[in-house]
Amino acid sequence: MPSSGMLCHRRHEPAMKNLQDATEKICELKGNLVALDALMTALLRQMPAEARAELARSFALSTEVARTVLLNAPVSDFTVAAFERDVARMGSFIGLAAPARP
């Protein structure tokens, strides 16, 4: 008969597997976010100031729609906070991206 330590370990294996899977997915998502930030910065630097101004207006409208959806969806406060933080960060990217020099 296995020891109680073995039984306890076996009982927690699925939870540990789920935790490992969740940790790996979070790390993957962080890498995706960094890659998208790099792409966004590169794209913004190629845009003329007038195009960035139009993008800022369009982004503001799109984020209002997304905010309304989030506030009426069954999501956590962490999701809403991350959305607001990233909207502010991306908005600053749009406003601060200096055009690339030839």
C-alpha atoms as a PDB file:
ATOM      1  CA  MET A   1       0.000   0.000   0.000  1.00  0.00           C
ATOM      2  CA  PRO A   2       1.429   3.443  -0.867  1.00  0.00           C
ATOM      3  CA  SER A   3       2.379   5.807   1.905  1.00  0.00           C
ATOM      4  CA  SER A   4       0.089   8.730   2.695  1.00  0.00           C
ATOM      5  CA  GLY A   5       2.697  11.028   1.134  1.00  0.00           C
ATOM      6  CA  MET A   6       2.321   9.187  -2.157  1.00  0.00           C
ATOM      7  CA  LEU A   7      -1.465   9.455  -2.045  1.00  0.00           C
ATOM      8  CA  CYS A   8      -1.279  13.155  -1.296  1.00  0.00           C
ATOM      9  CA  HIS A   9       1.136  13.671  -4.183  1.00  0.00           C
ATOM     10  CA  ARG A  10      -1.070  11.777  -6.603  1.00  0.00           C
ATOM     11  CA  ARG A  11      -4.136  13.716  -5.528  1.00  0.00           C
ATOM     12  CA  HIS A  12      -2.372  17.009  -6.324  1.00  0.00           C
ATOM     13  CA  GLU A  13      -0.799  16.004  -9.633  1.00  0.00           C
ATOM     14  CA  PRO A  14      -3.650  17.297 -11.797  1.00  0.00           C
ATOM     15  CA  ALA A  15      -3.670  20.609  -9.919  1.00  0.00           C
ATOM     16  CA  MET A  16       0.093  20.943 -10.311  1.00  0.00           C
ATOM     17  CA  LYS A  17      -0.225  20.092 -14.011  1.00  0.00           C
ATOM     18  CA  ASN A  18      -2.909  22.769 -14.407  1.00  0.00           C
ATOM     19  CA  LEU A  19      -0.737  25.275 -12.544  1.00  0.00           C
ATOM     20  CA  GLN A  20       2.239  24.430 -14.768  1.00  0.00           C
ATOM     21  CA  ASP A  21       0.073  24.764 -17.886  1.00  0.00           C
ATOM     22  CA  ALA A  22      -1.268  28.107 -16.681  1.00  0.00           C
ATOM     23  CA  THR A  23       2.231  29.374 -15.879  1.00  0.00           C
ATOM     24  CA  GLU A  24       3.492  28.347 -19.313  1.00  0.00           C
ATOM     25  CA  LYS A  25       0.534  30.056 -21.004  1.00  0.00           C
ATOM     26  CA  ILE A  26       1.099  33.260 -19.015  1.00  0.00           C
ATOM     27  CA  CYS A  27       4.764  33.274 -20.060  1.00  0.00           C
ATOM     28  CA  GLU A  28       3.738  32.679 -23.677  1.00  0.00           C
ATOM     29  CA  LEU A  29       1.283  35.579 -23.521  1.00  0.00           C
ATOM     30  CA  LYS A  30       3.961  37.867 -22.053  1.00  0.00           C
ATOM     31  CA  GLY A  31       6.250  37.022 -24.975  1.00  0.00           C
ATOM     32  CA  ASN A  32       3.422  37.705 -27.423  1.00  0.00           C
ATOM     33  CA  LEU A  33       2.804  41.083 -25.814  1.00  0.00           C
ATOM     34  CA  VAL A  34       6.466  42.100 -26.062  1.00  0.00           C
ATOM     35  CA  ALA A  35       6.541  41.100 -29.743  1.00  0.00           C
ATOM     36  CA  LEU A  36       3.371  43.107 -30.454  1.00  0.00           C
ATOM     37  CA  ASP A  37       4.817  46.123 -28.617  1.00  0.00           C
ATOM     38  CA  ALA A  38       7.940  45.941 -30.781  1.00  0.00           C
ATOM     39  CA  LEU A  39       5.831  45.690 -33.948  1.00  0.00           C
ATOM     40  CA  MET A  40       3.600  48.555 -32.868  1.00  0.00           C
ATOM     41  CA  THR A  41       6.565  50.791 -32.107  1.00  0.00           C
ATOM     42  CA  ALA A  42       8.146  50.024 -35.486  1.00  0.00           C
ATOM     43  CA  LEU A  43       4.884  50.697 -37.328  1.00  0.00           C
ATOM     44  CA  LEU A  44       4.238  53.941 -35.465  1.00  0.00           C
ATOM     45  CA  ARG A  45       7.705  55.224 -36.278  1.00  0.00           C
ATOM     46  CA  GLN A  46       6.971  54.754 -39.965  1.00  0.00           C
ATOM     47  CA  MET A  47       3.714  56.714 -39.817  1.00  0.00           C
ATOM     48  CA  PRO A  48       3.558  60.438 -40.508  1.00  0.00           C
ATOM     49  CA  ALA A  49       2.306  62.620 -37.653  1.00  0.00           C
ATOM     50  CA  GLU A  50      -1.053  63.207 -39.384  1.00  0.00           C
ATOM     51  CA  ALA A  51      -1.667  59.460 -39.659  1.00  0.00           C
ATOM     52  CA  ARG A  52      -0.743  58.961 -35.991  1.00  0.00           C
ATOM     53  CA  ALA A  53      -3.230  61.696 -35.034  1.00  0.00           C
ATOM     54  CA  GLU A  54      -5.981  59.900 -36.968  1.00  0.00           C
ATOM     55  CA  LEU A  55      -4.929  56.616 -35.373  1.00  0.00           C
ATOM     56  CA  ALA A  56      -5.196  58.221 -31.920  1.00  0.00           C
ATOM     57  CA  ARG A  57      -8.784  59.329 -32.659  1.00  0.00           C
ATOM     58  CA  SER A  58      -9.725  55.896 -34.007  1.00  0.00           C
ATOM     59  CA  PHE A  59      -8.043  54.161 -31.079  1.00  0.00           C
ATOM     60  CA  ALA A  60     -10.001  56.306 -28.610  1.00  0.00           C
ATOM     61  CA  LEU A  61     -13.291  55.318 -30.252  1.00  0.00           C
ATOM     62  CA  SER A  62     -12.347  51.637 -30.412  1.00  0.00           C
ATOM     63  CA  THR A  63     -11.261  51.540 -26.797  1.00  0.00           C
ATOM     64  CA  GLU A  64     -14.586  53.061 -25.721  1.00  0.00           C
ATOM     65  CA  VAL A  65     -16.426  50.246 -27.490  1.00  0.00           C
ATOM     66  CA  ALA A  66     -14.106  47.638 -25.963  1.00  0.00           C
ATOM     67  CA  ARG A  67     -14.474  49.217 -22.508  1.00  0.00           C
ATOM     68  CA  THR A  68     -18.262  49.027 -22.773  1.00  0.00           C
ATOM     69  CA  VAL A  69     -18.056  45.371 -23.764  1.00  0.00           C
ATOM     70  CA  LEU A  70     -15.689  44.591 -20.875  1.00  0.00           C
ATOM     71  CA  LEU A  71     -17.808  46.391 -18.317  1.00  0.00           C
ATOM     72  CA  ASN A  72     -20.851  44.379 -19.388  1.00  0.00           C
ATOM     73  CA  ALA A  73     -19.055  41.023 -19.644  1.00  0.00           C
ATOM     74  CA  PRO A  74     -18.320  38.482 -16.905  1.00  0.00           C
ATOM     75  CA  VAL A  75     -14.608  39.341 -16.620  1.00  0.00           C
ATOM     76  CA  SER A  76     -12.456  39.917 -13.574  1.00  0.00           C
ATOM     77  CA  ASP A  77     -11.329  43.274 -12.261  1.00  0.00           C
ATOM     78  CA  PHE A  78      -7.791  42.186 -13.199  1.00  0.00           C
ATOM     79  CA  THR A  79      -8.846  42.018 -16.844  1.00  0.00           C
ATOM     80  CA  VAL A  80     -10.377  45.487 -16.766  1.00  0.00           C
ATOM     81  CA  ALA A  81      -7.337  46.913 -14.953  1.00  0.00           C
ATOM     82  CA  ALA A  82      -4.955  45.334 -17.492  1.00  0.00           C
ATOM     83  CA  PHE A  83      -7.071  46.729 -20.325  1.00  0.00           C
ATOM     84  CA  GLU A  84      -6.982  50.248 -18.869  1.00  0.00           C
ATOM     85  CA  ARG A  85      -3.240  50.059 -18.195  1.00  0.00           C
ATOM     86  CA  ASP A  86      -2.478  48.840 -21.712  1.00  0.00           C
ATOM     87  CA  VAL A  87      -4.805  51.365 -23.340  1.00  0.00           C
ATOM     88  CA  ALA A  88      -2.882  54.139 -21.574  1.00  0.00           C
ATOM     89  CA  ARG A  89       0.447  52.597 -22.548  1.00  0.00           C
ATOM     90  CA  MET A  90      -0.548  52.134 -26.188  1.00  0.00           C
ATOM     91  CA  GLY A  91      -1.979  55.636 -26.316  1.00  0.00           C
ATOM     92  CA  SER A  92       1.360  56.974 -25.167  1.00  0.00           C
ATOM     93  CA  PHE A  93       3.088  54.920 -27.877  1.00  0.00           C
ATOM     94  CA  ILE A  94       0.904  56.598 -30.483  1.00  0.00           C
ATOM     95  CA  GLY A  95       1.636  60.061 -29.152  1.00  0.00           C
ATOM     96  CA  LEU A  96       5.326  59.611 -28.442  1.00  0.00           C
ATOM     97  CA  ALA A  97       6.522  57.595 -31.443  1.00  0.00           C
ATOM     98  CA  ALA A  98       8.985  59.764 -33.283  1.00  0.00           C
ATOM     99  CA  PRO A  99       8.988  59.189 -37.035  1.00  0.00           C
ATOM    100  CA  ALA A 100      11.910  57.171 -38.392  1.00  0.00           C
ATOM    101  CA  ARG A 101      14.673  59.258 -39.872  1.00  0.00           C
ATOM    102  CA  PRO A 102      15.806  58.467 -43.414  1.00  0.00           C
END
